[in-house]
Amino acid sequence: GITRTSSSATGKEATVDGMPEIEIVDMKRELISGN
């Protein structure tokens, strides 16, 4: 039942039904910051 609009890697607008939001965390930066 969840629909959102996002910009795909090809530059085209794409409707993605119910897909989660995905983030990447750089663990090297975590080490540098002391974590």
PDB file of all heavy atoms in Angstrom:
ATOM      1  N   GLY A   1       0.807  -1.213   0.000  1.00  0.00           N
ATOM      2  CA  GLY A   1       0.000   0.000   0.000  1.00  0.00           C
ATOM      3  C   GLY A   1       0.839   1.262   0.000  1.00  0.00           C
ATOM      4  O   GLY A   1       0.300   2.368  -0.046  1.00  0.00           O
ATOM      5  N   ILE A   2       2.170   1.102   0.060  1.00  0.00           N
ATOM      6  CA  ILE A   2       3.053   2.261   0.138  1.00  0.00           C
ATOM      7  C   ILE A   2       3.632   2.542  -1.232  1.00  0.00           C
ATOM      8  O   ILE A   2       4.157   1.658  -1.889  1.00  0.00           O
ATOM      9  CB  ILE A   2       4.206   2.002   1.120  1.00  0.00           C
ATOM     10  CG1 ILE A   2       3.651   1.613   2.491  1.00  0.00           C
ATOM     11  CG2 ILE A   2       5.109   3.214   1.242  1.00  0.00           C
ATOM     12  CD1 ILE A   2       4.695   1.060   3.418  1.00  0.00           C
ATOM     13  N   THR A   3       3.523   3.767  -1.697  1.00  0.00           N
ATOM     14  CA  THR A   3       4.081   4.149  -2.988  1.00  0.00           C
ATOM     15  C   THR A   3       4.867   5.443  -2.825  1.00  0.00           C
ATOM     16  O   THR A   3       4.395   6.380  -2.208  1.00  0.00           O
ATOM     17  CB  THR A   3       2.981   4.355  -4.041  1.00  0.00           C
ATOM     18  OG1 THR A   3       2.216   3.161  -4.147  1.00  0.00           O
ATOM     19  CG2 THR A   3       3.595   4.680  -5.391  1.00  0.00           C
ATOM     20  N   ARG A   4       6.048   5.479  -3.376  1.00  0.00           N
ATOM     21  CA  ARG A   4       6.830   6.712  -3.333  1.00  0.00           C
ATOM     22  C   ARG A   4       7.500   6.896  -4.683  1.00  0.00           C
ATOM     23  O   ARG A   4       7.687   5.951  -5.442  1.00  0.00           O
ATOM     24  CB  ARG A   4       7.876   6.678  -2.215  1.00  0.00           C
ATOM     25  CG  ARG A   4       8.935   5.587  -2.368  1.00  0.00           C
ATOM     26  CD  ARG A   4       9.834   5.542  -1.143  1.00  0.00           C
ATOM     27  NE  ARG A   4      10.771   4.434  -1.195  1.00  0.00           N
ATOM     28  CZ  ARG A   4      11.959   4.487  -1.758  1.00  0.00           C
ATOM     29  NH1 ARG A   4      12.367   5.592  -2.329  1.00  0.00           N
ATOM     30  NH2 ARG A   4      12.758   3.441  -1.758  1.00  0.00           N
ATOM     31  N   THR A   5       7.869   8.114  -4.988  1.00  0.00           N
ATOM     32  CA  THR A   5       8.540   8.421  -6.250  1.00  0.00           C
ATOM     33  C   THR A   5       9.999   8.745  -5.971  1.00  0.00           C
ATOM     34  O   THR A   5      10.308   9.503  -5.064  1.00  0.00           O
ATOM     35  CB  THR A   5       7.876   9.614  -6.953  1.00  0.00           C
ATOM     36  OG1 THR A   5       6.505   9.289  -7.181  1.00  0.00           O
ATOM     37  CG2 THR A   5       8.554   9.899  -8.273  1.00  0.00           C
ATOM     38  N   SER A   6      10.884   8.146  -6.745  1.00  0.00           N
ATOM     39  CA  SER A   6      12.311   8.393  -6.554  1.00  0.00           C
ATOM     40  C   SER A   6      12.983   8.548  -7.899  1.00  0.00           C
ATOM     41  O   SER A   6      12.463   8.156  -8.936  1.00  0.00           O
ATOM     42  CB  SER A   6      12.957   7.233  -5.784  1.00  0.00           C
ATOM     43  OG  SER A   6      12.952   6.075  -6.584  1.00  0.00           O
ATOM     44  N   SER A   7      14.185   9.121  -7.861  1.00  0.00           N
ATOM     45  CA  SER A   7      14.969   9.299  -9.076  1.00  0.00           C
ATOM     46  C   SER A   7      15.918   8.128  -9.218  1.00  0.00           C
ATOM     47  O   SER A   7      16.732   7.870  -8.340  1.00  0.00           O
ATOM     48  CB  SER A   7      15.766  10.603  -9.002  1.00  0.00           C
ATOM     49  OG  SER A   7      16.513  10.786 -10.174  1.00  0.00           O
ATOM     50  N   SER A   8      15.820   7.395 -10.295  1.00  0.00           N
ATOM     51  CA  SER A   8      16.667   6.220 -10.484  1.00  0.00           C
ATOM     52  C   SER A   8      18.060   6.632 -10.923  1.00  0.00           C
ATOM     53  O   SER A   8      18.315   7.778 -11.259  1.00  0.00           O
ATOM     54  CB  SER A   8      16.052   5.289 -11.540  1.00  0.00           C
ATOM     55  OG  SER A   8      16.156   5.883 -12.814  1.00  0.00           O
ATOM     56  N   ALA A   9      18.965   5.641 -10.935  1.00  0.00           N
ATOM     57  CA  ALA A   9      20.357   5.927 -11.293  1.00  0.00           C
ATOM     58  C   ALA A   9      20.489   6.351 -12.747  1.00  0.00           C
ATOM     59  O   ALA A   9      21.470   6.989 -13.126  1.00  0.00           O
ATOM     60  CB  ALA A   9      21.207   4.687 -11.027  1.00  0.00           C
ATOM     61  N   THR A  10      19.496   6.009 -13.566  1.00  0.00           N
ATOM     62  CA  THR A  10      19.566   6.380 -14.976  1.00  0.00           C
ATOM     63  C   THR A  10      19.044   7.787 -15.228  1.00  0.00           C
ATOM     64  O   THR A  10      19.030   8.256 -16.368  1.00  0.00           O
ATOM     65  CB  THR A  10      18.742   5.384 -15.813  1.00  0.00           C
ATOM     66  OG1 THR A  10      17.400   5.374 -15.329  1.00  0.00           O
ATOM     67  CG2 THR A  10      19.326   3.979 -15.695  1.00  0.00           C
ATOM     68  N   GLY A  11      18.586   8.465 -14.163  1.00  0.00           N
ATOM     69  CA  GLY A  11      18.091   9.834 -14.310  1.00  0.00           C
ATOM     70  C   GLY A  11      16.601   9.905 -14.557  1.00  0.00           C
ATOM     71  O   GLY A  11      16.022  10.988 -14.636  1.00  0.00           O
ATOM     72  N   LYS A  12      15.938   8.748 -14.665  1.00  0.00           N
ATOM     73  CA  LYS A  12      14.503   8.729 -14.928  1.00  0.00           C
ATOM     74  C   LYS A  12      13.731   8.635 -13.609  1.00  0.00           C
ATOM     75  O   LYS A  12      14.187   8.023 -12.648  1.00  0.00           O
ATOM     76  CB  LYS A  12      14.145   7.526 -15.814  1.00  0.00           C
ATOM     77  CG  LYS A  12      14.845   7.545 -17.172  1.00  0.00           C
ATOM     78  CD  LYS A  12      14.519   6.272 -17.938  1.00  0.00           C
ATOM     79  CE  LYS A  12      15.242   6.243 -19.285  1.00  0.00           C
ATOM     80  NZ  LYS A  12      14.986   4.985 -20.008  1.00  0.00           N
ATOM     81  N   GLU A  13      12.560   9.246 -13.583  1.00  0.00           N
ATOM     82  CA  GLU A  13      11.712   9.147 -12.407  1.00  0.00           C
ATOM     83  C   GLU A  13      11.069   7.761 -12.375  1.00  0.00           C
ATOM     84  O   GLU A  13      10.552   7.286 -13.380  1.00  0.00           O
ATOM     85  CB  GLU A  13      10.626  10.227 -12.428  1.00  0.00           C
ATOM     86  CG  GLU A  13      11.160  11.631 -12.209  1.00  0.00           C
ATOM     87  CD  GLU A  13      11.766  11.797 -10.826  1.00  0.00           C
ATOM     88  OE1 GLU A  13      11.148  11.348  -9.841  1.00  0.00           O
ATOM     89  OE2 GLU A  13      12.860  12.373 -10.728  1.00  0.00           O
ATOM     90  N   ALA A  14      11.146   7.124 -11.214  1.00  0.00           N
ATOM     91  CA  ALA A  14      10.600   5.777 -11.114  1.00  0.00           C
ATOM     92  C   ALA A  14       9.715   5.674  -9.886  1.00  0.00           C
ATOM     93  O   ALA A  14      10.038   6.199  -8.825  1.00  0.00           O
ATOM     94  CB  ALA A  14      11.729   4.746 -11.022  1.00  0.00           C
ATOM     95  N   THR A  15       8.570   5.004 -10.026  1.00  0.00           N
ATOM     96  CA  THR A  15       7.687   4.767  -8.896  1.00  0.00           C
ATOM     97  C   THR A  15       8.050   3.431  -8.285  1.00  0.00           C
ATOM     98  O   THR A  15       8.066   2.409  -8.963  1.00  0.00           O
ATOM     99  CB  THR A  15       6.218   4.747  -9.359  1.00  0.00           C
ATOM    100  OG1 THR A  15       5.923   5.991  -9.977  1.00  0.00           O
ATOM    101  CG2 THR A  15       5.303   4.532  -8.170  1.00  0.00           C
ATOM    102  N   VAL A  16       8.353   3.446  -6.993  1.00  0.00           N
ATOM    103  CA  VAL A  16       8.782   2.240  -6.307  1.00  0.00           C
ATOM    104  C   VAL A  16       7.771   1.917  -5.223  1.00  0.00           C
ATOM    105  O   VAL A  16       7.598   2.682  -4.286  1.00  0.00           O
ATOM    106  CB  VAL A  16      10.186   2.433  -5.685  1.00  0.00           C
ATOM    107  CG1 VAL A  16      10.665   1.129  -5.073  1.00  0.00           C
ATOM    108  CG2 VAL A  16      11.163   2.936  -6.741  1.00  0.00           C
ATOM    109  N   ASP A  17       7.086   0.800  -5.367  1.00  0.00           N
ATOM    110  CA  ASP A  17       6.020   0.452  -4.443  1.00  0.00           C
ATOM    111  C   ASP A  17       6.579  -0.210  -3.196  1.00  0.00           C
ATOM    112  O   ASP A  17       7.083  -1.321  -3.253  1.00  0.00           O
ATOM    113  CB  ASP A  17       5.028  -0.491  -5.124  1.00  0.00           C
ATOM    114  CG  ASP A  17       4.108   0.248  -6.067  1.00  0.00           C
ATOM    115  OD1 ASP A  17       4.307   1.458  -6.277  1.00  0.00           O
ATOM    116  OD2 ASP A  17       3.202  -0.391  -6.585  1.00  0.00           O
ATOM    117  N   GLY A  18       6.483   0.484  -2.071  1.00  0.00           N
ATOM    118  CA  GLY A  18       6.773  -0.142  -0.790  1.00  0.00           C
ATOM    119  C   GLY A  18       8.213  -0.462  -0.513  1.00  0.00           C
ATOM    120  O   GLY A  18       8.508  -1.113   0.482  1.00  0.00           O
ATOM    121  N   MET A  19       9.141  -0.093  -1.359  1.00  0.00           N
ATOM    122  CA  MET A  19      10.535  -0.447  -1.129  1.00  0.00           C
ATOM    123  C   MET A  19      11.119   0.421  -0.018  1.00  0.00           C
ATOM    124  O   MET A  19      10.771   1.596   0.113  1.00  0.00           O
ATOM    125  CB  MET A  19      11.351  -0.299  -2.408  1.00  0.00           C
ATOM    126  CG  MET A  19      10.900  -1.204  -3.537  1.00  0.00           C
ATOM    127  SD  MET A  19      10.808  -2.945  -3.047  1.00  0.00           S
ATOM    128  CE  MET A  19      12.538  -3.312  -2.785  1.00  0.00           C
ATOM    129  N   PRO A  20      12.010  -0.147   0.789  1.00  0.00           N
ATOM    130  CA  PRO A  20      12.564   0.617   1.910  1.00  0.00           C
ATOM    131  C   PRO A  20      13.559   1.675   1.449  1.00  0.00           C
ATOM    132  O   PRO A  20      14.089   1.607   0.342  1.00  0.00           O
ATOM    133  CB  PRO A  20      13.270  -0.464   2.738  1.00  0.00           C
ATOM    134  CG  PRO A  20      13.640  -1.517   1.743  1.00  0.00           C
ATOM    135  CD  PRO A  20      12.530  -1.524   0.735  1.00  0.00           C
ATOM    136  N   GLU A  21      13.811   2.646   2.317  1.00  0.00           N
ATOM    137  CA  GLU A  21      14.869   3.617   2.074  1.00  0.00           C
ATOM    138  C   GLU A  21      16.189   3.003   2.536  1.00  0.00           C
ATOM    139  O   GLU A  21      16.284   2.508   3.661  1.00  0.00           O
ATOM    140  CB  GLU A  21      14.595   4.905   2.855  1.00  0.00           C
ATOM    141  CG  GLU A  21      13.382   5.668   2.358  1.00  0.00           C
ATOM    142  CD  GLU A  21      13.147   6.946   3.154  1.00  0.00           C
ATOM    143  OE1 GLU A  21      13.906   7.177   4.122  1.00  0.00           O
ATOM    144  OE2 GLU A  21      12.224   7.693   2.814  1.00  0.00           O
ATOM    145  N   ILE A  22      17.190   3.054   1.672  1.00  0.00           N
ATOM    146  CA  ILE A  22      18.454   2.382   1.963  1.00  0.00           C
ATOM    147  C   ILE A  22      19.576   3.414   2.041  1.00  0.00           C
ATOM    148  O   ILE A  22      19.724   4.253   1.152  1.00  0.00           O
ATOM    149  CB  ILE A  22      18.781   1.318   0.888  1.00  0.00           C
ATOM    150  CG1 ILE A  22      17.607   0.331   0.758  1.00  0.00           C
ATOM    151  CG2 ILE A  22      20.063   0.580   1.226  1.00  0.00           C
ATOM    152  CD1 ILE A  22      17.788  -0.717  -0.312  1.00  0.00           C
ATOM    153  N   GLU A  23      20.360   3.338   3.108  1.00  0.00           N
ATOM    154  CA  GLU A  23      21.488   4.237   3.302  1.00  0.00           C
ATOM    155  C   GLU A  23      22.770   3.432   3.472  1.00  0.00           C
ATOM    156  O   GLU A  23      22.749   2.302   3.981  1.00  0.00           O
ATOM    157  CB  GLU A  23      21.284   5.112   4.543  1.00  0.00           C
ATOM    158  CG  GLU A  23      20.081   6.019   4.484  1.00  0.00           C
ATOM    159  CD  GLU A  23      19.934   6.815   5.772  1.00  0.00           C
ATOM    160  OE1 GLU A  23      20.900   7.497   6.154  1.00  0.00           O
ATOM    161  OE2 GLU A  23      18.864   6.732   6.396  1.00  0.00           O
ATOM    162  N   ILE A  24      23.883   4.032   3.067  1.00  0.00           N
ATOM    163  CA  ILE A  24      25.201   3.422   3.243  1.00  0.00           C
ATOM    164  C   ILE A  24      25.977   4.232   4.274  1.00  0.00           C
ATOM    165  O   ILE A  24      25.999   5.463   4.221  1.00  0.00           O
ATOM    166  CB  ILE A  24      25.974   3.382   1.909  1.00  0.00           C
ATOM    167  CG1 ILE A  24      25.271   2.467   0.905  1.00  0.00           C
ATOM    168  CG2 ILE A  24      27.414   2.917   2.121  1.00  0.00           C
ATOM    169  CD1 ILE A  24      25.908   2.459  -0.477  1.00  0.00           C
ATOM    170  N   VAL A  25      26.609   3.549   5.207  1.00  0.00           N
ATOM    171  CA  VAL A  25      27.449   4.198   6.210  1.00  0.00           C
ATOM    172  C   VAL A  25      28.897   3.768   5.991  1.00  0.00           C
ATOM    173  O   VAL A  25      29.195   2.565   5.932  1.00  0.00           O
ATOM    174  CB  VAL A  25      27.013   3.831   7.643  1.00  0.00           C
ATOM    175  CG1 VAL A  25      27.996   4.413   8.663  1.00  0.00           C
ATOM    176  CG2 VAL A  25      25.621   4.367   7.915  1.00  0.00           C
ATOM    177  N   ASP A  26      29.791   4.739   5.851  1.00  0.00           N
ATOM    178  CA  ASP A  26      31.217   4.481   5.663  1.00  0.00           C
ATOM    179  C   ASP A  26      31.844   4.237   7.039  1.00  0.00           C
ATOM    180  O   ASP A  26      32.005   5.162   7.837  1.00  0.00           O
ATOM    181  CB  ASP A  26      31.870   5.684   4.977  1.00  0.00           C
ATOM    182  CG  ASP A  26      33.332   5.431   4.640  1.00  0.00           C
ATOM    183  OD1 ASP A  26      33.882   4.395   5.075  1.00  0.00           O
ATOM    184  OD2 ASP A  26      33.932   6.284   3.954  1.00  0.00           O
ATOM    185  N   MET A  27      32.217   2.994   7.318  1.00  0.00           N
ATOM    186  CA  MET A  27      32.768   2.657   8.626  1.00  0.00           C
ATOM    187  C   MET A  27      34.183   3.197   8.823  1.00  0.00           C
ATOM    188  O   MET A  27      34.656   3.283   9.967  1.00  0.00           O
ATOM    189  CB  MET A  27      32.726   1.152   8.834  1.00  0.00           C
ATOM    190  CG  MET A  27      31.317   0.582   8.908  1.00  0.00           C
ATOM    191  SD  MET A  27      30.319   1.316  10.240  1.00  0.00           S
ATOM    192  CE  MET A  27      31.028   0.522  11.668  1.00  0.00           C
ATOM    193  N   LYS A  28      34.848   3.555   7.746  1.00  0.00           N
ATOM    194  CA  LYS A  28      36.163   4.192   7.897  1.00  0.00           C
ATOM    195  C   LYS A  28      36.013   5.543   8.584  1.00  0.00           C
ATOM    196  O   LYS A  28      36.841   5.926   9.428  1.00  0.00           O
ATOM    197  CB  LYS A  28      36.844   4.366   6.523  1.00  0.00           C
ATOM    198  CG  LYS A  28      37.178   3.076   5.798  1.00  0.00           C
ATOM    199  CD  LYS A  28      38.119   3.297   4.641  1.00  0.00           C
ATOM    200  CE  LYS A  28      37.544   4.201   3.565  1.00  0.00           C
ATOM    201  NZ  LYS A  28      36.398   3.601   2.886  1.00  0.00           N
ATOM    202  N   ARG A  29      34.980   6.274   8.224  1.00  0.00           N
ATOM    203  CA  ARG A  29      34.717   7.565   8.861  1.00  0.00           C
ATOM    204  C   ARG A  29      34.367   7.389  10.342  1.00  0.00           C
ATOM    205  O   ARG A  29      34.706   8.244  11.175  1.00  0.00           O
ATOM    206  CB  ARG A  29      33.585   8.290   8.140  1.00  0.00           C
ATOM    207  CG  ARG A  29      33.946   8.754   6.731  1.00  0.00           C
ATOM    208  CD  ARG A  29      32.807   9.525   6.094  1.00  0.00           C
ATOM    209  NE  ARG A  29      33.159  10.011   4.776  1.00  0.00           N
ATOM    210  CZ  ARG A  29      33.792  11.150   4.537  1.00  0.00           C
ATOM    211  NH1 ARG A  29      34.149  11.930   5.560  1.00  0.00           N
ATOM    212  NH2 ARG A  29      34.075  11.523   3.308  1.00  0.00           N
ATOM    213  N   GLU A  30      33.675   6.301  10.659  1.00  0.00           N
ATOM    214  CA  GLU A  30      33.366   6.027  12.054  1.00  0.00           C
ATOM    215  C   GLU A  30      34.652   5.824  12.856  1.00  0.00           C
ATOM    216  O   GLU A  30      34.790   6.325  13.974  1.00  0.00           O
ATOM    217  CB  GLU A  30      32.476   4.779  12.168  1.00  0.00           C
ATOM    218  CG  GLU A  30      31.085   4.958  11.599  1.00  0.00           C
ATOM    219  CD  GLU A  30      30.207   5.882  12.437  1.00  0.00           C
ATOM    220  OE1 GLU A  30      30.180   5.738  13.668  1.00  0.00           O
ATOM    221  OE2 GLU A  30      29.549   6.764  11.842  1.00  0.00           O
ATOM    222  N   LEU A  31      35.603   5.083  12.287  1.00  0.00           N
ATOM    223  CA  LEU A  31      36.882   4.864  12.971  1.00  0.00           C
ATOM    224  C   LEU A  31      37.634   6.179  13.164  1.00  0.00           C
ATOM    225  O   LEU A  31      38.190   6.445  14.232  1.00  0.00           O
ATOM    226  CB  LEU A  31      37.744   3.885  12.172  1.00  0.00           C
ATOM    227  CG  LEU A  31      37.369   2.400  12.251  1.00  0.00           C
ATOM    228  CD1 LEU A  31      38.264   1.597  11.316  1.00  0.00           C
ATOM    229  CD2 LEU A  31      37.499   1.882  13.678  1.00  0.00           C
ATOM    230  N   ILE A  32      37.656   6.984  12.103  1.00  0.00           N
ATOM    231  CA  ILE A  32      38.367   8.267  12.172  1.00  0.00           C
ATOM    232  C   ILE A  32      37.773   9.164  13.252  1.00  0.00           C
ATOM    233  O   ILE A  32      38.484   9.880  13.960  1.00  0.00           O
ATOM    234  CB  ILE A  32      38.333   8.981  10.800  1.00  0.00           C
ATOM    235  CG1 ILE A  32      39.168   8.193   9.775  1.00  0.00           C
ATOM    236  CG2 ILE A  32      38.844  10.406  10.901  1.00  0.00           C
ATOM    237  CD1 ILE A  32      39.002   8.671   8.353  1.00  0.00           C
ATOM    238  N   SER A  33      36.459   9.096  13.416  1.00  0.00           N
ATOM    239  CA  SER A  33      35.789   9.948  14.408  1.00  0.00           C
ATOM    240  C   SER A  33      35.879   9.378  15.824  1.00  0.00           C
ATOM    241  O   SER A  33      35.366   9.986  16.769  1.00  0.00           O
ATOM    242  CB  SER A  33      34.321  10.138  14.017  1.00  0.00           C
ATOM    243  OG  SER A  33      33.620   8.911  14.125  1.00  0.00           O
ATOM    244  N   GLY A  34      36.517   8.207  15.957  1.00  0.00           N
ATOM    245  CA  GLY A  34      36.717   7.646  17.289  1.00  0.00           C
ATOM    246  C   GLY A  34      35.749   6.554  17.687  1.00  0.00           C
ATOM    247  O   GLY A  34      35.835   6.011  18.791  1.00  0.00           O
ATOM    248  N   ASN A  35      34.827   6.174  16.803  1.00  0.00           N
ATOM    249  CA  ASN A  35      33.861   5.125  17.115  1.00  0.00           C
ATOM    250  C   ASN A  35      34.425   3.768  16.694  1.00  0.00           C
ATOM    251  O   ASN A  35      34.547   3.486  15.503  1.00  0.00           O
ATOM    252  CB  ASN A  35      32.536   5.389  16.391  1.00  0.00           C
ATOM    253  CG  ASN A  35      31.515   4.299  16.674  1.00  0.00           C
ATOM    254  OD1 ASN A  35      31.619   3.573  17.661  1.00  0.00           O
ATOM    255  ND2 ASN A  35      30.522   4.181  15.807  1.00  0.00           N
TER     256      ASN A  35
END
